[in-house]
N, C-alpha and C. Protein backbone atom coordinates (compact mmCIF):
# COMPACT_ATOMS: atom_id res chain seq x y z
N MET A 1 41.57 -21.22 50.19
CA MET A 1 42.71 -22.12 50.19
C MET A 1 43.15 -22.33 48.74
N LYS A 2 44.42 -22.09 48.49
CA LYS A 2 44.96 -22.29 47.16
C LYS A 2 45.17 -23.77 46.89
N PRO A 3 44.99 -24.20 45.64
CA PRO A 3 45.24 -25.60 45.31
C PRO A 3 46.74 -25.91 45.29
N PHE A 4 47.05 -27.18 45.47
CA PHE A 4 48.43 -27.62 45.34
C PHE A 4 48.77 -27.75 43.87
N VAL A 5 50.03 -27.59 43.56
CA VAL A 5 50.52 -27.79 42.20
C VAL A 5 51.66 -28.79 42.29
N VAL A 6 51.68 -29.76 41.39
CA VAL A 6 52.76 -30.74 41.36
C VAL A 6 53.83 -30.23 40.41
N LYS A 7 55.06 -30.22 40.88
CA LYS A 7 56.21 -29.85 40.07
C LYS A 7 57.13 -31.05 39.98
N HIS A 8 57.58 -31.37 38.78
CA HIS A 8 58.54 -32.46 38.61
C HIS A 8 59.56 -32.03 37.58
N TYR A 9 60.67 -31.55 38.08
CA TYR A 9 61.74 -31.08 37.21
C TYR A 9 62.61 -32.26 36.78
N SER A 10 63.18 -32.16 35.61
CA SER A 10 63.98 -33.27 35.07
C SER A 10 65.18 -33.59 35.96
N ALA A 11 65.69 -32.62 36.68
CA ALA A 11 66.84 -32.86 37.56
C ALA A 11 66.45 -33.53 38.87
N ASP A 12 65.17 -33.56 39.20
CA ASP A 12 64.70 -34.14 40.46
C ASP A 12 64.24 -35.58 40.25
N GLU A 13 64.58 -36.43 41.20
CA GLU A 13 64.18 -37.83 41.10
C GLU A 13 62.69 -38.01 41.34
N ARG A 14 62.14 -37.25 42.30
CA ARG A 14 60.73 -37.40 42.65
C ARG A 14 60.00 -36.08 42.51
N PRO A 15 58.68 -36.12 42.25
CA PRO A 15 57.90 -34.89 42.16
C PRO A 15 57.74 -34.23 43.52
N THR A 16 57.50 -32.94 43.51
CA THR A 16 57.29 -32.19 44.75
C THR A 16 56.02 -31.38 44.65
N LEU A 17 55.49 -31.00 45.82
CA LEU A 17 54.31 -30.15 45.87
C LEU A 17 54.71 -28.70 45.99
N LYS A 18 53.84 -27.83 45.51
CA LYS A 18 54.02 -26.41 45.69
C LYS A 18 52.66 -25.85 46.09
N GLY A 19 52.64 -25.03 47.14
CA GLY A 19 51.39 -24.42 47.57
C GLY A 19 51.05 -24.73 49.01
N ASN A 20 50.33 -23.81 49.64
CA ASN A 20 49.84 -23.97 51.01
C ASN A 20 50.91 -24.31 52.03
N GLY A 21 52.11 -23.76 51.84
CA GLY A 21 53.18 -23.98 52.80
C GLY A 21 53.89 -25.31 52.69
N PHE A 22 53.57 -26.11 51.69
CA PHE A 22 54.19 -27.42 51.51
C PHE A 22 55.21 -27.43 50.39
N ASP A 23 55.71 -26.26 50.01
CA ASP A 23 56.66 -26.17 48.91
C ASP A 23 57.84 -27.11 49.13
N GLY A 24 58.13 -27.92 48.14
CA GLY A 24 59.28 -28.81 48.20
C GLY A 24 59.01 -30.16 48.81
N LEU A 25 57.80 -30.43 49.31
CA LEU A 25 57.48 -31.73 49.90
C LEU A 25 57.44 -32.78 48.79
N GLU A 26 58.28 -33.80 48.91
CA GLU A 26 58.28 -34.87 47.92
C GLU A 26 57.08 -35.77 48.16
N ILE A 27 56.41 -36.13 47.08
CA ILE A 27 55.23 -36.99 47.21
C ILE A 27 55.15 -37.93 46.03
N GLY A 28 55.06 -39.23 46.29
CA GLY A 28 54.96 -40.22 45.24
C GLY A 28 56.27 -40.45 44.51
N GLU A 29 56.24 -41.45 43.66
CA GLU A 29 57.40 -41.80 42.85
C GLU A 29 57.32 -41.15 41.47
N THR A 30 56.10 -40.88 41.01
CA THR A 30 55.90 -40.31 39.68
C THR A 30 54.96 -39.11 39.79
N ARG A 31 54.95 -38.31 38.75
CA ARG A 31 54.04 -37.17 38.71
C ARG A 31 52.59 -37.64 38.81
N GLU A 32 52.27 -38.76 38.18
CA GLU A 32 50.90 -39.29 38.21
C GLU A 32 50.48 -39.65 39.64
N GLU A 33 51.38 -40.27 40.40
CA GLU A 33 51.06 -40.60 41.80
C GLU A 33 50.82 -39.34 42.61
N ALA A 34 51.62 -38.33 42.39
CA ALA A 34 51.46 -37.06 43.12
C ALA A 34 50.14 -36.40 42.75
N GLU A 35 49.78 -36.40 41.48
CA GLU A 35 48.51 -35.83 41.03
C GLU A 35 47.33 -36.56 41.68
N GLU A 36 47.42 -37.89 41.73
CA GLU A 36 46.34 -38.69 42.37
C GLU A 36 46.21 -38.34 43.84
N PHE A 37 47.33 -38.14 44.52
CA PHE A 37 47.31 -37.81 45.94
C PHE A 37 46.61 -36.48 46.19
N ILE A 38 46.94 -35.45 45.41
CA ILE A 38 46.36 -34.15 45.67
C ILE A 38 44.91 -34.03 45.22
N THR A 39 44.47 -34.91 44.29
CA THR A 39 43.08 -34.86 43.86
C THR A 39 42.22 -35.85 44.63
N GLY A 40 42.86 -36.68 45.48
CA GLY A 40 42.11 -37.63 46.29
C GLY A 40 41.70 -38.86 45.52
N GLY A 41 42.26 -39.05 44.35
CA GLY A 41 41.86 -40.17 43.50
C GLY A 41 42.72 -41.33 43.64
C-alpha cells in the first residue's frame, strides 16, 4: 500500500490527498491538519 501525500497548492483553499485512489480528496483546513490525519496523530 502506497502512503498518502498531502498536496496544498497556493491556488487551493484546502489541502488535498494524493494516493491510494483518494486523489483530490480535501482533508482538514490546513496542511498540518491533513498531515496529522494521515499519520494518525
